[in-house]
Structure formats: C-alpha cells, structure tokens
Amino acid sequence: MTSTSETGGVTGTRDKNYDLIWYVEACLDNALRLETYIQDAEREHDAELVDLFHKAQADSRKGAEMGKQLLRSRLSA
C-alpha cells in the first residue's frame, strides 16, 4: 500500500532517495533476470531473442550505474 504523505518519517529515508534506491535495485534485478532469459534463448538457438535480451540487459546495467552514481553524489553531499 502506498501513502501520499510519507516523506521519510516511517522509513527514515526521504521519498526521493528511497525511490532512487528502489530504481537501482530494480535495474540490477532486471539485469539478473535477463541472464536467465538469455540462457533460455541460447538453449533454443534463437539469436534474435539473445540479441534483444543482451541489449535490454545492457540498458538495465546502464540504468543501475547511472542511479548508483546519482545516489553516491547525493549521499556524499
């Protein structure tokens, strides 16, 4: 359940930072999940899917890295 008034009082982390942490975790989780999909496609010799999933995995890794950099800069300030 989401709350429209939570600003960090319950979690101890301001919403915008919590959201950024969630985003990084979601990107990393997606990169891991895509590894399974890549292996499945490779097992079926479906090069088109392998290529698609590799590209999606690279995008997820890029999103995670961008999020980590932003989080790092915000937490060190």
N, C-alpha and C. Protein backbone atom coordinates (compact mmCIF):
# COMPACT_ATOMS: atom_id res chain seq x y z
N MET A 1 0.85 -1.18 0.00
CA MET A 1 0.00 0.00 0.00
C MET A 1 0.89 1.24 0.00
N THR A 2 0.56 2.19 -0.83
CA THR A 2 1.36 3.40 -0.89
C THR A 2 0.66 4.52 -0.14
N SER A 3 1.46 5.44 0.31
CA SER A 3 0.94 6.58 1.04
C SER A 3 1.32 7.85 0.31
N THR A 4 0.41 8.79 0.26
CA THR A 4 0.72 10.05 -0.41
C THR A 4 1.38 11.04 0.52
N SER A 5 1.50 10.70 1.80
CA SER A 5 2.07 11.65 2.75
C SER A 5 3.40 11.21 3.33
N GLU A 6 3.89 10.02 3.00
CA GLU A 6 5.16 9.54 3.54
C GLU A 6 6.30 10.36 2.96
N THR A 7 7.09 10.97 3.81
CA THR A 7 8.25 11.75 3.37
C THR A 7 9.51 11.33 4.12
N GLY A 8 9.52 10.10 4.60
CA GLY A 8 10.71 9.59 5.27
C GLY A 8 10.54 9.36 6.75
N GLY A 9 9.42 9.78 7.31
CA GLY A 9 9.21 9.60 8.74
C GLY A 9 9.13 8.13 9.14
N VAL A 10 8.52 7.32 8.31
CA VAL A 10 8.36 5.90 8.60
C VAL A 10 9.64 5.14 8.25
N THR A 11 10.18 5.39 7.06
CA THR A 11 11.34 4.62 6.58
C THR A 11 12.67 5.17 7.04
N GLY A 12 12.71 6.44 7.40
CA GLY A 12 13.98 7.07 7.74
C GLY A 12 14.74 7.52 6.51
N THR A 13 14.14 7.36 5.35
CA THR A 13 14.76 7.76 4.09
C THR A 13 13.76 8.59 3.30
N ARG A 14 14.18 9.77 2.91
CA ARG A 14 13.27 10.63 2.15
C ARG A 14 12.79 9.90 0.90
N ASP A 15 11.56 10.19 0.51
CA ASP A 15 10.94 9.50 -0.62
C ASP A 15 11.81 9.51 -1.87
N LYS A 16 12.36 10.67 -2.23
CA LYS A 16 13.12 10.74 -3.49
C LYS A 16 14.35 9.85 -3.43
N ASN A 17 15.00 9.75 -2.27
CA ASN A 17 16.15 8.86 -2.15
C ASN A 17 15.72 7.40 -2.12
N TYR A 18 14.63 7.13 -1.43
CA TYR A 18 14.08 5.77 -1.41
C TYR A 18 13.73 5.33 -2.82
N ASP A 19 13.11 6.23 -3.58
CA ASP A 19 12.74 5.92 -4.96
C ASP A 19 13.97 5.62 -5.81
N LEU A 20 15.04 6.38 -5.59
CA LEU A 20 16.27 6.18 -6.34
C LEU A 20 16.90 4.83 -5.97
N ILE A 21 16.90 4.49 -4.69
CA ILE A 21 17.41 3.20 -4.24
C ILE A 21 16.59 2.08 -4.87
N TRP A 22 15.27 2.23 -4.87
CA TRP A 22 14.40 1.23 -5.49
C TRP A 22 14.72 1.07 -6.96
N TYR A 23 14.94 2.18 -7.65
CA TYR A 23 15.22 2.16 -9.08
C TYR A 23 16.50 1.37 -9.37
N VAL A 24 17.54 1.63 -8.60
CA VAL A 24 18.81 0.91 -8.78
C VAL A 24 18.59 -0.58 -8.57
N GLU A 25 17.89 -0.93 -7.50
CA GLU A 25 17.63 -2.34 -7.21
C GLU A 25 16.83 -2.99 -8.33
N ALA A 26 15.84 -2.30 -8.85
CA ALA A 26 15.01 -2.85 -9.93
C ALA A 26 15.84 -3.07 -11.20
N CYS A 27 16.73 -2.15 -11.52
CA CYS A 27 17.60 -2.31 -12.68
C CYS A 27 18.52 -3.51 -12.52
N LEU A 28 19.11 -3.65 -11.33
CA LEU A 28 20.01 -4.77 -11.09
C LEU A 28 19.26 -6.09 -11.12
N ASP A 29 18.08 -6.11 -10.54
CA ASP A 29 17.25 -7.32 -10.55
C ASP A 29 16.88 -7.70 -11.98
N ASN A 30 16.56 -6.71 -12.79
CA ASN A 30 16.21 -6.96 -14.18
C ASN A 30 17.41 -7.52 -14.95
N ALA A 31 18.60 -6.99 -14.70
CA ALA A 31 19.80 -7.50 -15.37
C ALA A 31 20.02 -8.97 -15.02
N LEU A 32 19.80 -9.32 -13.76
CA LEU A 32 19.94 -10.72 -13.35
C LEU A 32 18.89 -11.61 -14.01
N ARG A 33 17.66 -11.17 -14.02
CA ARG A 33 16.57 -11.94 -14.63
C ARG A 33 16.83 -12.15 -16.12
N LEU A 34 17.32 -11.13 -16.77
CA LEU A 34 17.59 -11.23 -18.20
C LEU A 34 18.67 -12.25 -18.50
N GLU A 35 19.58 -12.49 -17.56
CA GLU A 35 20.60 -13.51 -17.77
C GLU A 35 19.95 -14.88 -17.97
N THR A 36 18.92 -15.16 -17.20
CA THR A 36 18.17 -16.41 -17.36
C THR A 36 17.50 -16.46 -18.73
N TYR A 37 16.91 -15.35 -19.14
CA TYR A 37 16.24 -15.30 -20.44
C TYR A 37 17.24 -15.51 -21.57
N ILE A 38 18.44 -14.93 -21.43
CA ILE A 38 19.48 -15.10 -22.44
C ILE A 38 19.86 -16.57 -22.56
N GLN A 39 20.05 -17.21 -21.42
CA GLN A 39 20.40 -18.64 -21.42
C GLN A 39 19.29 -19.48 -22.06
N ASP A 40 18.06 -19.15 -21.76
CA ASP A 40 16.93 -19.88 -22.37
C ASP A 40 16.94 -19.72 -23.89
N ALA A 41 17.14 -18.49 -24.35
CA ALA A 41 17.15 -18.22 -25.79
C ALA A 41 18.34 -18.90 -26.46
N GLU A 42 19.49 -18.90 -25.80
CA GLU A 42 20.67 -19.57 -26.35
C GLU A 42 20.43 -21.08 -26.48
N ARG A 43 19.80 -21.66 -25.47
CA ARG A 43 19.50 -23.08 -25.49
C ARG A 43 18.59 -23.44 -26.67
N GLU A 44 17.71 -22.50 -27.04
CA GLU A 44 16.79 -22.71 -28.16
C GLU A 44 17.37 -22.22 -29.49
N HIS A 45 18.62 -21.74 -29.44
CA HIS A 45 19.30 -21.24 -30.65
C HIS A 45 18.52 -20.12 -31.33
N ASP A 46 17.97 -19.22 -30.52
CA ASP A 46 17.20 -18.08 -31.04
C ASP A 46 18.05 -16.82 -30.92
N ALA A 47 18.85 -16.59 -31.94
CA ALA A 47 19.79 -15.47 -31.93
C ALA A 47 19.10 -14.12 -31.82
N GLU A 48 17.93 -14.01 -32.40
CA GLU A 48 17.18 -12.75 -32.35
C GLU A 48 16.81 -12.40 -30.91
N LEU A 49 16.33 -13.39 -30.16
CA LEU A 49 15.99 -13.14 -28.76
C LEU A 49 17.24 -12.91 -27.92
N VAL A 50 18.30 -13.65 -28.20
CA VAL A 50 19.55 -13.45 -27.47
C VAL A 50 20.00 -12.00 -27.62
N ASP A 51 19.96 -11.51 -28.83
CA ASP A 51 20.37 -10.13 -29.10
C ASP A 51 19.48 -9.13 -28.36
N LEU A 52 18.17 -9.34 -28.43
CA LEU A 52 17.24 -8.45 -27.74
C LEU A 52 17.51 -8.43 -26.23
N PHE A 53 17.65 -9.61 -25.64
CA PHE A 53 17.84 -9.69 -24.20
C PHE A 53 19.20 -9.13 -23.78
N HIS A 54 20.23 -9.30 -24.61
CA HIS A 54 21.53 -8.69 -24.31
C HIS A 54 21.43 -7.16 -24.30
N LYS A 55 20.71 -6.62 -25.28
CA LYS A 55 20.53 -5.17 -25.34
C LYS A 55 19.74 -4.67 -24.13
N ALA A 56 18.70 -5.38 -23.77
CA ALA A 56 17.90 -4.99 -22.60
C ALA A 56 18.73 -5.08 -21.33
N GLN A 57 19.56 -6.10 -21.23
CA GLN A 57 20.42 -6.26 -20.06
C GLN A 57 21.43 -5.11 -19.98
N ALA A 58 21.99 -4.72 -21.11
CA ALA A 58 22.93 -3.59 -21.13
C ALA A 58 22.23 -2.31 -20.69
N ASP A 59 21.01 -2.12 -21.14
CA ASP A 59 20.25 -0.94 -20.73
C ASP A 59 19.97 -0.96 -19.22
N SER A 60 19.66 -2.12 -18.69
CA SER A 60 19.41 -2.24 -17.25
C SER A 60 20.68 -1.94 -16.45
N ARG A 61 21.80 -2.46 -16.92
CA ARG A 61 23.08 -2.18 -16.25
C ARG A 61 23.40 -0.69 -16.31
N LYS A 62 23.15 -0.08 -17.47
CA LYS A 62 23.41 1.36 -17.61
C LYS A 62 22.52 2.15 -16.65
N GLY A 63 21.26 1.80 -16.57
CA GLY A 63 20.36 2.49 -15.63
C GLY A 63 20.82 2.34 -14.20
N ALA A 64 21.27 1.13 -13.84
CA ALA A 64 21.76 0.91 -12.48
C ALA A 64 23.00 1.75 -12.21
N GLU A 65 23.91 1.80 -13.15
CA GLU A 65 25.13 2.60 -12.96
C GLU A 65 24.80 4.09 -12.83
N MET A 66 23.91 4.56 -13.67
CA MET A 66 23.52 5.98 -13.58
C MET A 66 22.87 6.26 -12.23
N GLY A 67 22.00 5.38 -11.79
CA GLY A 67 21.35 5.55 -10.50
C GLY A 67 22.34 5.49 -9.35
N LYS A 68 23.31 4.57 -9.42
CA LYS A 68 24.31 4.46 -8.36
C LYS A 68 25.16 5.72 -8.28
N GLN A 69 25.54 6.27 -9.44
CA GLN A 69 26.33 7.49 -9.45
C GLN A 69 25.56 8.65 -8.82
N LEU A 70 24.30 8.76 -9.19
CA LEU A 70 23.48 9.84 -8.64
C LEU A 70 23.28 9.65 -7.14
N LEU A 71 23.02 8.45 -6.73
CA LEU A 71 22.84 8.16 -5.31
C LEU A 71 24.12 8.45 -4.54
N ARG A 72 25.25 8.02 -5.08
CA ARG A 72 26.54 8.27 -4.45
C ARG A 72 26.77 9.77 -4.24
N SER A 73 26.50 10.56 -5.27
CA SER A 73 26.72 12.01 -5.16
C SER A 73 25.78 12.66 -4.15
N ARG A 74 24.55 12.17 -4.09
CA ARG A 74 23.58 12.74 -3.17
C ARG A 74 23.88 12.36 -1.72
N LEU A 75 24.33 11.13 -1.50
CA LEU A 75 24.62 10.70 -0.14
C LEU A 75 25.91 11.28 0.40
N SER A 76 26.83 11.64 -0.48
CA SER A 76 28.10 12.21 -0.01
C SER A 76 27.99 13.72 0.21
N ALA A 77 26.91 14.32 -0.25
CA ALA A 77 26.74 15.78 -0.10
C ALA A 77 26.29 16.14 1.30
